[in-house]
PDB file of N, CA and C in Angstrom:
ATOM      1  N   MET A   1     119.316 118.284-154.052  1.00  0.00           N
ATOM      2  CA  MET A   1     119.098 120.041-153.400  1.00  0.00           C
ATOM      3  C   MET A   1     117.492 120.004-154.250  1.00  0.00           C
ATOM      4  N   LYS A   2     117.409 119.632-155.350  1.00  0.00           N
ATOM      5  CA  LYS A   2     115.974 119.888-155.802  1.00  0.00           C
ATOM      6  C   LYS A   2     114.953 119.209-155.370  1.00  0.00           C
ATOM      7  N   ARG A   3     114.881 117.518-155.360  1.00  0.00           N
ATOM      8  CA  ARG A   3     114.075 117.297-154.231  1.00  0.00           C
ATOM      9  C   ARG A   3     113.303 117.871-152.740  1.00  0.00           C
ATOM     10  N   LEU A   4     114.424 118.422-152.155  1.00  0.00           N
ATOM     11  CA  LEU A   4     114.288 119.413-151.275  1.00  0.00           C
ATOM     12  C   LEU A   4     113.712 120.274-151.169  1.00  0.00           C
ATOM     13  N   LEU A   5     114.034 121.166-152.279  1.00  0.00           N
ATOM     14  CA  LEU A   5     112.989 122.532-152.598  1.00  0.00           C
ATOM     15  C   LEU A   5     111.438 122.055-153.542  1.00  0.00           C
ATOM     16  N   ILE A   6     111.775 120.843-153.607  1.00  0.00           N
ATOM     17  CA  ILE A   6     110.079 120.168-154.256  1.00  0.00           C
ATOM     18  C   ILE A   6     109.201 119.495-153.555  1.00  0.00           C
ATOM     19  N   THR A   7     109.962 118.910-152.171  1.00  0.00           N
ATOM     20  CA  THR A   7     109.368 118.794-150.702  1.00  0.00           C
ATOM     21  C   THR A   7     108.793 119.890-150.275  1.00  0.00           C
ATOM     22  N   VAL A   8     109.290 120.570-149.633  1.00  0.00           N
ATOM     23  CA  VAL A   8     109.275 121.979-149.005  1.00  0.00           C
ATOM     24  C   VAL A   8     107.996 122.435-149.885  1.00  0.00           C
ATOM     25  N   LEU A   9     107.913 122.930-151.087  1.00  0.00           N
ATOM     26  CA  LEU A   9     107.262 123.643-151.868  1.00  0.00           C
ATOM     27  C   LEU A   9     105.357 122.587-152.068  1.00  0.00           C
ATOM     28  N   MET A  10     106.044 121.519-151.606  1.00  0.00           N
ATOM     29  CA  MET A  10     104.419 120.698-151.647  1.00  0.00           C
ATOM     30  C   MET A  10     103.650 120.515-149.683  1.00  0.00           C
ATOM     31  N   ILE A  11     105.157 121.017-149.094  1.00  0.00           N
ATOM     32  CA  ILE A  11     104.482 120.785-147.726  1.00  0.00           C
ATOM     33  C   ILE A  11     103.991 122.565-147.848  1.00  0.00           C
ATOM     34  N   ILE A  12     104.340 123.154-148.483  1.00  0.00           N
ATOM     35  CA  ILE A  12     103.982 125.200-147.704  1.00  0.00           C
ATOM     36  C   ILE A  12     102.990 125.160-148.813  1.00  0.00           C
ATOM     37  N   LEU A  13     102.596 124.905-150.022  1.00  0.00           N
ATOM     38  CA  LEU A  13     101.773 125.693-150.989  1.00  0.00           C
ATOM     39  C   LEU A  13     100.107 125.349-150.287  1.00  0.00           C
ATOM     40  N   PRO A  14     100.124 123.789-149.967  1.00  0.00           N
ATOM     41  CA  PRO A  14      98.464 123.507-149.507  1.00  0.00           C
ATOM     42  C   PRO A  14      98.400 124.702-148.531  1.00  0.00           C
ATOM     43  N   THR A  15      98.582 124.766-147.421  1.00  0.00           N
ATOM     44  CA  THR A  15      98.277 125.749-146.462  1.00  0.00           C
ATOM     45  C   THR A  15      98.386 127.865-147.099  1.00  0.00           C
ATOM     46  N   THR A  16      99.567 127.562-148.027  1.00  0.00           N
ATOM     47  CA  THR A  16      99.234 128.883-148.218  1.00  0.00           C
ATOM     48  C   THR A  16      97.777 129.214-149.171  1.00  0.00           C
ATOM     49  N   ALA A  17      97.786 128.280-150.143  1.00  0.00           N
ATOM     50  CA  ALA A  17      96.672 128.266-150.777  1.00  0.00           C
ATOM     51  C   ALA A  17      95.276 128.365-150.083  1.00  0.00           C
ATOM     52  N   MET A  18      95.239 127.616-148.772  1.00  0.00           N
ATOM     53  CA  MET A  18      94.146 127.216-148.361  1.00  0.00           C
ATOM     54  C   MET A  18      93.674 128.579-147.531  1.00  0.00           C
ATOM     55  N   ALA A  19      95.092 129.502-146.687  1.00  0.00           N
ATOM     56  CA  ALA A  19      95.303 130.127-146.301  1.00  0.00           C
ATOM     57  C   ALA A  19      93.849 131.610-146.616  1.00  0.00           C
ATOM     58  N   GLN A  20      93.009 132.146-145.978  1.00  0.00           N
ATOM     59  CA  GLN A  20      92.408 133.208-146.579  1.00  0.00           C
ATOM     60  C   GLN A  20      91.850 134.101-145.548  1.00  0.00           C
ATOM     61  N   ASN A  21      91.781 135.098-145.965  1.00  0.00           N
ATOM     62  CA  ASN A  21      91.728 136.815-145.329  1.00  0.00           C
ATOM     63  C   ASN A  21      90.137 136.603-144.651  1.00  0.00           C
ATOM     64  N   VAL A  22      89.981 137.324-143.262  1.00  0.00           N
ATOM     65  CA  VAL A  22      88.641 137.420-142.852  1.00  0.00           C
ATOM     66  C   VAL A  22      88.232 138.698-143.174  1.00  0.00           C
ATOM     67  N   ILE A  23      86.816 138.492-142.826  1.00  0.00           N
ATOM     68  CA  ILE A  23      85.964 139.240-143.568  1.00  0.00           C
ATOM     69  C   ILE A  23      85.109 140.238-142.306  1.00  0.00           C
ATOM     70  N   LEU A  24      85.411 141.292-142.251  1.00  0.00           N
ATOM     71  CA  LEU A  24      84.827 141.631-140.794  1.00  0.00           C
ATOM     72  C   LEU A  24      83.542 142.410-141.534  1.00  0.00           C
ATOM     73  N   ILE A  25      82.262 142.167-140.792  1.00  0.00           N
ATOM     74  CA  ILE A  25      80.907 143.353-141.442  1.00  0.00           C
ATOM     75  C   ILE A  25      80.147 143.508-140.019  1.00  0.00           C
ATOM     76  N   ASN A  26      80.841 144.996-139.766  1.00  0.00           N
ATOM     77  CA  ASN A  26      79.933 146.059-138.796  1.00  0.00           C
ATOM     78  C   ASN A  26      79.376 146.245-138.990  1.00  0.00           C
ATOM     79  N   PRO A  27      77.761 146.139-138.430  1.00  0.00           N
ATOM     80  CA  PRO A  27      76.938 147.365-138.836  1.00  0.00           C
ATOM     81  C   PRO A  27      76.873 148.119-137.303  1.00  0.00           C
ATOM     82  N   PHE A  28      75.946 149.298-137.940  1.00  0.00           N
ATOM     83  CA  PHE A  28      76.156 150.146-136.267  1.00  0.00           C
ATOM     84  C   PHE A  28      74.976 150.944-136.683  1.00  0.00           C
ATOM     85  N   GLU A  29      74.114 151.048-135.217  1.00  0.00           N
ATOM     86  CA  GLU A  29      73.139 151.576-135.423  1.00  0.00           C
ATOM     87  C   GLU A  29      74.405 153.403-134.899  1.00  0.00           C
ATOM     88  N   VAL A  30      73.335 154.394-135.707  1.00  0.00           N
ATOM     89  CA  VAL A  30      74.097 155.849-135.938  1.00  0.00           C
ATOM     90  C   VAL A  30      72.725 156.367-134.526  1.00  0.00           C
ATOM     91  N   PRO A  31      72.934 157.527-133.928  1.00  0.00           N
ATOM     92  CA  PRO A  31      71.990 158.538-133.138  1.00  0.00           C
ATOM     93  C   PRO A  31      71.794 159.379-134.217  1.00  0.00           C
ATOM     94  N   LYS A  32      70.230 159.545-134.197  1.00  0.00           N
ATOM     95  CA  LYS A  32      69.618 160.537-135.096  1.00  0.00           C
ATOM     96  C   LYS A  32      70.441 161.695-135.120  1.00  0.00           C
ATOM     97  N   GLY A  33      70.633 162.433-136.094  1.00  0.00           N
ATOM     98  CA  GLY A  33      71.668 163.667-136.669  1.00  0.00           C
ATOM     99  C   GLY A  33      72.876 163.639-136.098  1.00  0.00           C
ATOM    100  N   GLN A  34      73.581 162.356-135.614  1.00  0.00           N
ATOM    101  CA  GLN A  34      74.714 162.082-135.675  1.00  0.00           C
ATOM    102  C   GLN A  34      75.788 161.275-136.994  1.00  0.00           C
ATOM    103  N   GLU A  35      74.830 161.408-138.721  1.00  0.00           N
ATOM    104  CA  GLU A  35      75.757 160.189-139.116  1.00  0.00           C
ATOM    105  C   GLU A  35      76.771 161.193-139.769  1.00  0.00           C
ATOM    106  N   THR A  36      76.802 162.482-140.035  1.00  0.00           N
ATOM    107  CA  THR A  36      78.217 163.262-140.264  1.00  0.00           C
ATOM    108  C   THR A  36      79.246 163.347-139.562  1.00  0.00           C
ATOM    109  N   GLU A  37      78.963 162.877-138.035  1.00  0.00           N
ATOM    110  CA  GLU A  37      80.255 162.816-136.861  1.00  0.00           C
ATOM    111  C   GLU A  37      80.627 161.543-136.603  1.00  0.00           C
ATOM    112  N   THR A  38      79.768 160.420-137.175  1.00  0.00           N
ATOM    113  CA  THR A  38      79.992 159.002-137.382  1.00  0.00           C
ATOM    114  C   THR A  38      80.497 159.029-138.332  1.00  0.00           C
ATOM    115  N   ILE A  39      80.517 158.937-139.846  1.00  0.00           N
ATOM    116  CA  ILE A  39      81.094 158.833-140.779  1.00  0.00           C
ATOM    117  C   ILE A  39      83.036 159.547-140.658  1.00  0.00           C
ATOM    118  N   VAL A  40      83.368 160.976-139.834  1.00  0.00           N
ATOM    119  CA  VAL A  40      84.385 161.584-139.611  1.00  0.00           C
ATOM    120  C   VAL A  40      85.052 160.428-138.739  1.00  0.00           C
ATOM    121  N   TYR A  41      84.084 159.968-137.403  1.00  0.00           N
ATOM    122  CA  TYR A  41      85.159 158.952-136.627  1.00  0.00           C
ATOM    123  C   TYR A  41      85.277 157.604-137.703  1.00  0.00           C
ATOM    124  N   TRP A  42      84.507 157.375-138.235  1.00  0.00           N
ATOM    125  CA  TRP A  42      84.844 155.950-139.190  1.00  0.00           C
ATOM    126  C   TRP A  42      85.928 156.464-140.061  1.00  0.00           C
ATOM    127  N   GLU A  43      86.047 157.757-140.377  1.00  0.00           N
ATOM    128  CA  GLU A  43      87.595 157.468-141.628  1.00  0.00           C
ATOM    129  C   GLU A  43      88.948 157.696-140.164  1.00  0.00           C
ATOM    130  N   ALA A  44      88.425 158.116-139.272  1.00  0.00           N
ATOM    131  CA  ALA A  44      89.873 158.539-138.556  1.00  0.00           C
ATOM    132  C   ALA A  44      90.240 157.179-138.297  1.00  0.00           C
ATOM    133  N   ALA A  45      88.888 156.021-137.600  1.00  0.00           N
ATOM    134  CA  ALA A  45      89.474 154.992-137.250  1.00  0.00           C
ATOM    135  C   ALA A  45      89.734 153.987-138.354  1.00  0.00           C
ATOM    136  N   ARG A  46      89.454 153.929-139.665  1.00  0.00           N
ATOM    137  CA  ARG A  46      89.658 153.818-141.214  1.00  0.00           C
ATOM    138  C   ARG A  46      91.241 153.948-141.115  1.00  0.00           C
ATOM    139  N   ASP A  47      91.712 155.318-141.230  1.00  0.00           N
ATOM    140  CA  ASP A  47      93.236 155.873-141.191  1.00  0.00           C
ATOM    141  C   ASP A  47      94.325 155.418-140.202  1.00  0.00           C
ATOM    142  N   PHE A  48      93.742 154.932-139.069  1.00  0.00           N
ATOM    143  CA  PHE A  48      94.674 154.441-137.809  1.00  0.00           C
ATOM    144  C   PHE A  48      94.649 152.914-138.875  1.00  0.00           C
ATOM    145  N   LEU A  49      93.526 152.164-138.670  1.00  0.00           N
ATOM    146  CA  LEU A  49      93.358 150.817-139.062  1.00  0.00           C
ATOM    147  C   LEU A  49      94.703 150.093-140.214  1.00  0.00           C
ATOM    148  N   MET A  50      94.532 151.744-141.222  1.00  0.00           N
ATOM    149  CA  MET A  50      95.175 150.655-142.765  1.00  0.00           C
ATOM    150  C   MET A  50      96.843 150.639-142.395  1.00  0.00           C
ATOM    151  N   GLU A  51      97.110 151.310-141.541  1.00  0.00           N
ATOM    152  CA  GLU A  51      98.525 151.122-141.599  1.00  0.00           C
ATOM    153  C   GLU A  51      98.862 149.957-140.494  1.00  0.00           C
ATOM    154  N   GLN A  52      98.042 149.056-139.888  1.00  0.00           N
ATOM    155  CA  GLN A  52      98.152 148.121-138.759  1.00  0.00           C
ATOM    156  C   GLN A  52      98.753 147.297-139.686  1.00  0.00           C
ATOM    157  N   PRO A  53      99.697 145.925-139.760  1.00  0.00           N
ATOM    158  CA  PRO A  53      99.621 144.631-139.807  1.00  0.00           C
ATOM    159  C   PRO A  53      98.539 143.806-140.334  1.00  0.00           C
ATOM    160  N   GLY A  54      98.510 143.088-141.405  1.00  0.00           N
ATOM    161  CA  GLY A  54      97.399 142.550-141.516  1.00  0.00           C
ATOM    162  C   GLY A  54      96.512 142.962-142.242  1.00  0.00           C
ATOM    163  N   TYR A  55      96.041 144.418-142.611  1.00  0.00           N
ATOM    164  CA  TYR A  55      95.011 145.527-142.810  1.00  0.00           C
ATOM    165  C   TYR A  55      95.156 144.674-144.613  1.00  0.00           C
ATOM    166  N   VAL A  56      93.372 144.776-144.841  1.00  0.00           N
ATOM    167  CA  VAL A  56      94.138 144.506-146.731  1.00  0.00           C
ATOM    168  C   VAL A  56      92.522 146.028-147.308  1.00  0.00           C
ATOM    169  N   SER A  57      91.588 145.820-146.999  1.00  0.00           N
ATOM    170  CA  SER A  57      90.854 147.043-147.257  1.00  0.00           C
ATOM    171  C   SER A  57      89.775 147.395-146.352  1.00  0.00           C
ATOM    172  N   THR A  58      88.715 148.400-146.315  1.00  0.00           N
ATOM    173  CA  THR A  58      87.720 148.447-146.002  1.00  0.00           C
ATOM    174  C   THR A  58      87.076 149.656-146.371  1.00  0.00           C
ATOM    175  N   GLU A  59      85.465 149.120-146.189  1.00  0.00           N
ATOM    176  CA  GLU A  59      84.602 150.218-147.376  1.00  0.00           C
ATOM    177  C   GLU A  59      83.547 150.993-145.811  1.00  0.00           C
ATOM    178  N   LEU A  60      82.759 151.588-146.141  1.00  0.00           N
ATOM    179  CA  LEU A  60      81.846 151.728-145.811  1.00  0.00           C
ATOM    180  C   LEU A  60      80.734 152.133-146.920  1.00  0.00           C
ATOM    181  N   HIS A  61      79.151 151.483-146.234  1.00  0.00           N
ATOM    182  CA  HIS A  61      78.435 151.546-147.263  1.00  0.00           C
ATOM    183  C   HIS A  61      77.598 152.417-146.325  1.00  0.00           C
ATOM    184  N   GLN A  62      76.650 152.911-146.846  1.00  0.00           N
ATOM    185  CA  GLN A  62      75.774 153.864-146.092  1.00  0.00           C
ATOM    186  C   GLN A  62      73.467 153.198-147.337  1.00  0.00           C
ATOM    187  N   SER A  63      73.015 153.075-146.315  1.00  0.00           N
ATOM    188  CA  SER A  63      71.487 152.555-146.729  1.00  0.00           C
ATOM    189  C   SER A  63      71.155 153.674-147.479  1.00  0.00           C
ATOM    190  N   ILE A  64      70.308 153.021-148.613  1.00  0.00           N
ATOM    191  CA  ILE A  64      69.854 153.966-149.469  1.00  0.00           C
ATOM    192  C   ILE A  64      68.060 154.037-149.300  1.00  0.00           C
ATOM    193  N   GLN A  65      67.462 153.067-148.012  1.00  0.00           N
ATOM    194  CA  GLN A  65      66.591 152.934-148.060  1.00  0.00           C
ATOM    195  C   GLN A  65      66.449 153.982-146.607  1.00  0.00           C
ATOM    196  N   PRO A  66      65.583 154.888-146.210  1.00  0.00           N
ATOM    197  CA  PRO A  66      65.187 155.348-145.089  1.00  0.00           C
ATOM    198  C   PRO A  66      64.879 154.909-143.548  1.00  0.00           C
ATOM    199  N   ASP A  67      64.573 153.148-144.053  1.00  0.00           N
ATOM    200  CA  ASP A  67      63.575 152.624-143.154  1.00  0.00           C
ATOM    201  C   ASP A  67      64.628 151.269-142.477  1.00  0.00           C
ATOM    202  N   ALA A  68      65.817 151.604-143.227  1.00  0.00           N
ATOM    203  CA  ALA A  68      66.759 150.370-142.705  1.00  0.00           C
ATOM    204  C   ALA A  68      67.104 150.523-141.136  1.00  0.00           C
ATOM    205  N   LYS A  69      67.113 149.638-140.837  1.00  0.00           N
ATOM    206  CA  LYS A  69      67.496 149.363-139.275  1.00  0.00           C
ATOM    207  C   LYS A  69      69.203 149.506-139.157  1.00  0.00           C
ATOM    208  N   PHE A  70      70.014 149.143-139.832  1.00  0.00           N
ATOM    209  CA  PHE A  70      71.648 150.272-140.058  1.00  0.00           C
ATOM    210  C   PHE A  70      71.467 150.919-141.550  1.00  0.00           C
ATOM    211  N   HIS A  71      72.103 152.045-141.098  1.00  0.00           N
ATOM    212  CA  HIS A  71      72.498 152.658-141.972  1.00  0.00           C
ATOM    213  C   HIS A  71      73.941 153.200-142.722  1.00  0.00           C
ATOM    214  N   LEU A  72      74.834 152.799-141.875  1.00  0.00           N
ATOM    215  CA  LEU A  72      76.106 152.653-142.151  1.00  0.00           C
ATOM    216  C   LEU A  72      76.607 151.064-141.789  1.00  0.00           C
ATOM    217  N   ILE A  73      77.512 150.626-142.735  1.00  0.00           N
ATOM    218  CA  ILE A  73      77.823 149.343-142.207  1.00  0.00           C
ATOM    219  C   ILE A  73      79.261 148.941-142.973  1.00  0.00           C
ATOM    220  N   ASN A  74      80.126 148.714-142.081  1.00  0.00           N
ATOM    221  CA  ASN A  74      81.616 148.517-142.120  1.00  0.00           C
ATOM    222  C   ASN A  74      82.254 146.943-142.778  1.00  0.00           C
ATOM    223  N   ILE A  75      82.751 146.877-143.691  1.00  0.00           N
ATOM    224  CA  ILE A  75      83.076 145.964-144.299  1.00  0.00           C
ATOM    225  C   ILE A  75      84.619 146.044-144.329  1.00  0.00           C
ATOM    226  N   ALA A  76      84.942 144.924-143.653  1.00  0.00           N
ATOM    227  CA  ALA A  76      86.485 145.037-143.987  1.00  0.00           C
ATOM    228  C   ALA A  76      87.378 143.597-144.259  1.00  0.00           C
ATOM    229  N   GLU A  77      88.295 143.783-144.625  1.00  0.00           N
ATOM    230  CA  GLU A  77      89.188 142.527-145.009  1.00  0.00           C
ATOM    231  C   GLU A  77      90.409 142.436-144.646  1.00  0.00           C
ATOM    232  N   TRP A  78      90.795 141.251-143.134  1.00  0.00           N
ATOM    233  CA  TRP A  78      92.343 141.478-142.942  1.00  0.00           C
ATOM    234  C   TRP A  78      92.740 139.906-143.331  1.00  0.00           C
ATOM    235  N   GLU A  79      94.108 139.969-142.831  1.00  0.00           N
ATOM    236  CA  GLU A  79      94.944 138.583-143.330  1.00  0.00           C
ATOM    237  C   GLU A  79      94.935 137.225-142.512  1.00  0.00           C
ATOM    238  N   SER A  80      94.312 137.789-141.025  1.00  0.00           N
ATOM    239  CA  SER A  80      94.049 137.028-140.293  1.00  0.00           C
ATOM    240  C   SER A  80      93.270 137.371-139.058  1.00  0.00           C
ATOM    241  N   ILE A  81      92.657 136.682-138.285  1.00  0.00           N
ATOM    242  CA  ILE A  81      91.598 137.047-136.911  1.00  0.00           C
ATOM    243  C   ILE A  81      92.615 137.627-135.930  1.00  0.00           C
ATOM    244  N   GLU A  82      93.670 136.897-136.183  1.00  0.00           N
ATOM    245  CA  GLU A  82      94.876 137.713-135.105  1.00  0.00           C
ATOM    246  C   GLU A  82      95.490 139.167-135.344  1.00  0.00           C
ATOM    247  N   THR A  83      95.353 139.278-136.718  1.00  0.00           N
ATOM    248  CA  THR A  83      95.877 140.462-136.643  1.00  0.00           C
ATOM    249  C   THR A  83      95.303 141.664-136.826  1.00  0.00           C
ATOM    250  N   PHE A  84      93.535 141.135-136.871  1.00  0.00           N
ATOM    251  CA  PHE A  84      92.397 142.110-136.832  1.00  0.00           C
ATOM    252  C   PHE A  84      92.232 142.411-135.030  1.00  0.00           C
ATOM    253  N   LYS A  85      92.432 141.213-134.284  1.00  0.00           N
ATOM    254  CA  LYS A  85      91.957 141.623-133.422  1.00  0.00           C
ATOM    255  C   LYS A  85      93.690 142.674-132.697  1.00  0.00           C
ATOM    256  N   ALA A  86      94.811 142.430-132.490  1.00  0.00           N
ATOM    257  CA  ALA A  86      95.661 143.282-132.391  1.00  0.00           C
ATOM    258  C   ALA A  86      95.520 144.492-132.796  1.00  0.00           C
ATOM    259  N   ALA A  87      94.980 145.133-134.584  1.00  0.00           N
ATOM    260  CA  ALA A  87      94.664 146.205-134.573  1.00  0.00           C
ATOM    261  C   ALA A  87      93.897 147.098-134.086  1.00  0.00           C
ATOM    262  N   THR A  88      92.672 146.365-133.612  1.00  0.00           N
ATOM    263  CA  THR A  88      91.573 146.749-133.073  1.00  0.00           C
ATOM    264  C   THR A  88      92.065 146.942-131.554  1.00  0.00           C
ATOM    265  N   SER A  89      92.534 146.781-130.890  1.00  0.00           N
ATOM    266  CA  SER A  89      93.108 146.560-129.478  1.00  0.00           C
ATOM    267  C   SER A  89      93.680 147.383-129.492  1.00  0.00           C
ATOM    268  N   LYS A  90      95.196 147.554-130.606  1.00  0.00           N
ATOM    269  CA  LYS A  90      95.579 149.153-130.433  1.00  0.00           C
ATOM    270  C   LYS A  90      95.226 150.628-130.950  1.00  0.00           C
ATOM    271  N   MET A  91      93.969 149.957-131.557  1.00  0.00           N
ATOM    272  CA  MET A  91      93.456 151.231-131.787  1.00  0.00           C
ATOM    273  C   MET A  91      92.147 152.026-130.783  1.00  0.00           C
ATOM    274  N   ARG A  92      91.592 150.851-130.063  1.00  0.00           N
ATOM    275  CA  ARG A  92      90.879 151.531-128.599  1.00  0.00           C
ATOM    276  C   ARG A  92      92.106 152.408-128.001  1.00  0.00           C
ATOM    277  N   LYS A  93      93.384 151.816-127.210  1.00  0.00           N
ATOM    278  CA  LYS A  93      94.467 152.205-126.414  1.00  0.00           C
ATOM    279  C   LYS A  93      94.905 153.447-127.391  1.00  0.00           C
ATOM    280  N   GLU A  94      94.660 153.925-128.615  1.00  0.00           N
ATOM    281  CA  GLU A  94      95.912 155.111-129.335  1.00  0.00           C
ATOM    282  C   GLU A  94      95.355 155.931-130.094  1.00  0.00           C
ATOM    283  N   LEU A  95      93.809 155.599-130.717  1.00  0.00           N
ATOM    284  CA  LEU A  95      93.096 156.553-131.263  1.00  0.00           C
ATOM    285  C   LEU A  95      92.438 157.515-130.394  1.00  0.00           C
ATOM    286  N   LYS A  96      93.451 158.879-130.848  1.00  0.00           N
ATOM    287  CA  LYS A  96      92.362 160.230-130.018  1.00  0.00           C
ATOM    288  C   LYS A  96      91.263 160.145-130.000  1.00  0.00           C
ATOM    289  N   GLN A  97      90.482 160.133-131.197  1.00  0.00           N
ATOM    290  CA  GLN A  97      89.083 160.471-131.823  1.00  0.00           C
ATOM    291  C   GLN A  97      88.109 159.530-130.781  1.00  0.00           C
ATOM    292  N   LYS A  98      87.238 159.390-130.290  1.00  0.00           N
ATOM    293  CA  LYS A  98      86.021 158.529-129.494  1.00  0.00           C
ATOM    294  C   LYS A  98      85.168 158.081-130.092  1.00  0.00           C
ATOM    295  N   PRO A  99      84.501 157.046-130.458  1.00  0.00           N
ATOM    296  CA  PRO A  99      83.143 156.552-131.043  1.00  0.00           C
ATOM    297  C   PRO A  99      82.348 157.790-130.541  1.00  0.00           C
ATOM    298  N   ILE A 100      81.476 157.991-131.062  1.00  0.00           N
ATOM    299  CA  ILE A 100      80.162 158.948-131.347  1.00  0.00           C
ATOM    300  C   ILE A 100      79.343 158.126-130.123  1.00  0.00           C
ATOM    301  N   GLU A 101      78.829 159.144-128.739  1.00  0.00           N
ATOM    302  CA  GLU A 101      78.574 158.618-127.961  1.00  0.00           C
ATOM    303  C   GLU A 101      76.811 158.148-128.089  1.00  0.00           C
ATOM    304  N   GLY A 102      76.388 157.124-128.095  1.00  0.00           N
ATOM    305  CA  GLY A 102      74.860 156.254-128.381  1.00  0.00           C
ATOM    306  C   GLY A 102      75.238 155.121-129.486  1.00  0.00           C
ATOM    307  N   MET A 103      76.094 155.081-129.929  1.00  0.00           N
ATOM    308  CA  MET A 103      76.568 154.407-131.430  1.00  0.00           C
ATOM    309  C   MET A 103      76.771 152.854-130.574  1.00  0.00           C
ATOM    310  N   LYS A 104      75.773 151.889-131.205  1.00  0.00           N
ATOM    311  CA  LYS A 104      76.083 150.714-131.056  1.00  0.00           C
ATOM    312  C   LYS A 104      76.563 149.658-132.321  1.00  0.00           C
ATOM    313  N   PHE A 105      77.919 149.126-132.134  1.00  0.00           N
ATOM    314  CA  PHE A 105      78.228 148.204-133.000  1.00  0.00           C
ATOM    315  C   PHE A 105      78.013 146.582-132.706  1.00  0.00           C
ATOM    316  N   TYR A 106      78.390 146.319-134.073  1.00  0.00           N
ATOM    317  CA  TYR A 106      77.253 144.606-134.188  1.00  0.00           C
ATOM    318  C   TYR A 106      78.621 143.853-134.892  1.00  0.00           C
ATOM    319  N   PRO A 107      79.721 143.919-134.608  1.00  0.00           N
ATOM    320  CA  PRO A 107      80.941 143.441-135.436  1.00  0.00           C
ATOM    321  C   PRO A 107      81.046 141.739-135.188  1.00  0.00           C
ATOM    322  N   ALA A 108      81.066 141.402-136.507  1.00  0.00           N
ATOM    323  CA  ALA A 108      81.709 140.010-136.841  1.00  0.00           C
ATOM    324  C   ALA A 108      82.479 139.736-137.363  1.00  0.00           C
ATOM    325  N   LEU A 109      83.101 138.755-137.926  1.00  0.00           N
ATOM    326  CA  LEU A 109      84.208 137.528-138.331  1.00  0.00           C
ATOM    327  C   LEU A 109      83.702 136.842-139.116  1.00  0.00           C
ATOM    328  N   TYR A 110      83.898 137.113-140.835  1.00  0.00           N
ATOM    329  CA  TYR A 110      83.514 136.055-141.073  1.00  0.00           C
ATOM    330  C   TYR A 110      84.313 135.482-142.659  1.00  0.00           C
ATOM    331  N   ASP A 111      84.240 134.212-142.501  1.00  0.00           N
ATOM    332  CA  ASP A 111      84.564 133.592-143.674  1.00  0.00           C
ATOM    333  C   ASP A 111      83.887 133.755-145.131  1.00  0.00           C
ATOM    334  N   VAL A 112      84.710 133.734-146.901  1.00  0.00           N
ATOM    335  CA  VAL A 112      84.194 133.684-147.789  1.00  0.00           C
ATOM    336  C   VAL A 112      83.763 131.960-147.899  1.00  0.00           C
ATOM    337  N   ILE A 113      82.532 131.816-148.261  1.00  0.00           N
ATOM    338  CA  ILE A 113      82.271 130.530-148.490  1.00  0.00           C
ATOM    339  C   ILE A 113      81.950 130.008-150.092  1.00  0.00           C
ATOM    340  N   ARG A 114      81.570 130.970-150.260  1.00  0.00           N
ATOM    341  CA  ARG A 114      80.736 131.276-151.716  1.00  0.00           C
ATOM    342  C   ARG A 114      81.584 132.389-152.468  1.00  0.00           C
ATOM    343  N   LYS A 115      81.574 132.152-153.756  1.00  0.00           N
ATOM    344  CA  LYS A 115      81.738 133.435-154.777  1.00  0.00           C
ATOM    345  C   LYS A 115      80.855 132.918-156.152  1.00  0.00           C
TER     346      LYS A 115
END
């Protein structure tokens, strides 16, 4: 029994240790005068997504430079690409609040390769 347990652990541990969360970096363009409404939308989306399987965390960043192309950038962490896709698909169907007209999103998923 002890040998079987050690064998199972040797198989499971390397894949578990190698598994890492994915990072969403989503800068978005906000129509002039719509920043407050955009943040309210982001909060509604965050509240929905944080209840979904695979959600780890999210933060909204705001530029301190007035000439920045993106004044708001969302950075989120998910357990996997699959959980992210399932959660965002569900959000598009179920979230009552809709994005602000004229908002443009540029989302992409990333792996952390250096710390």
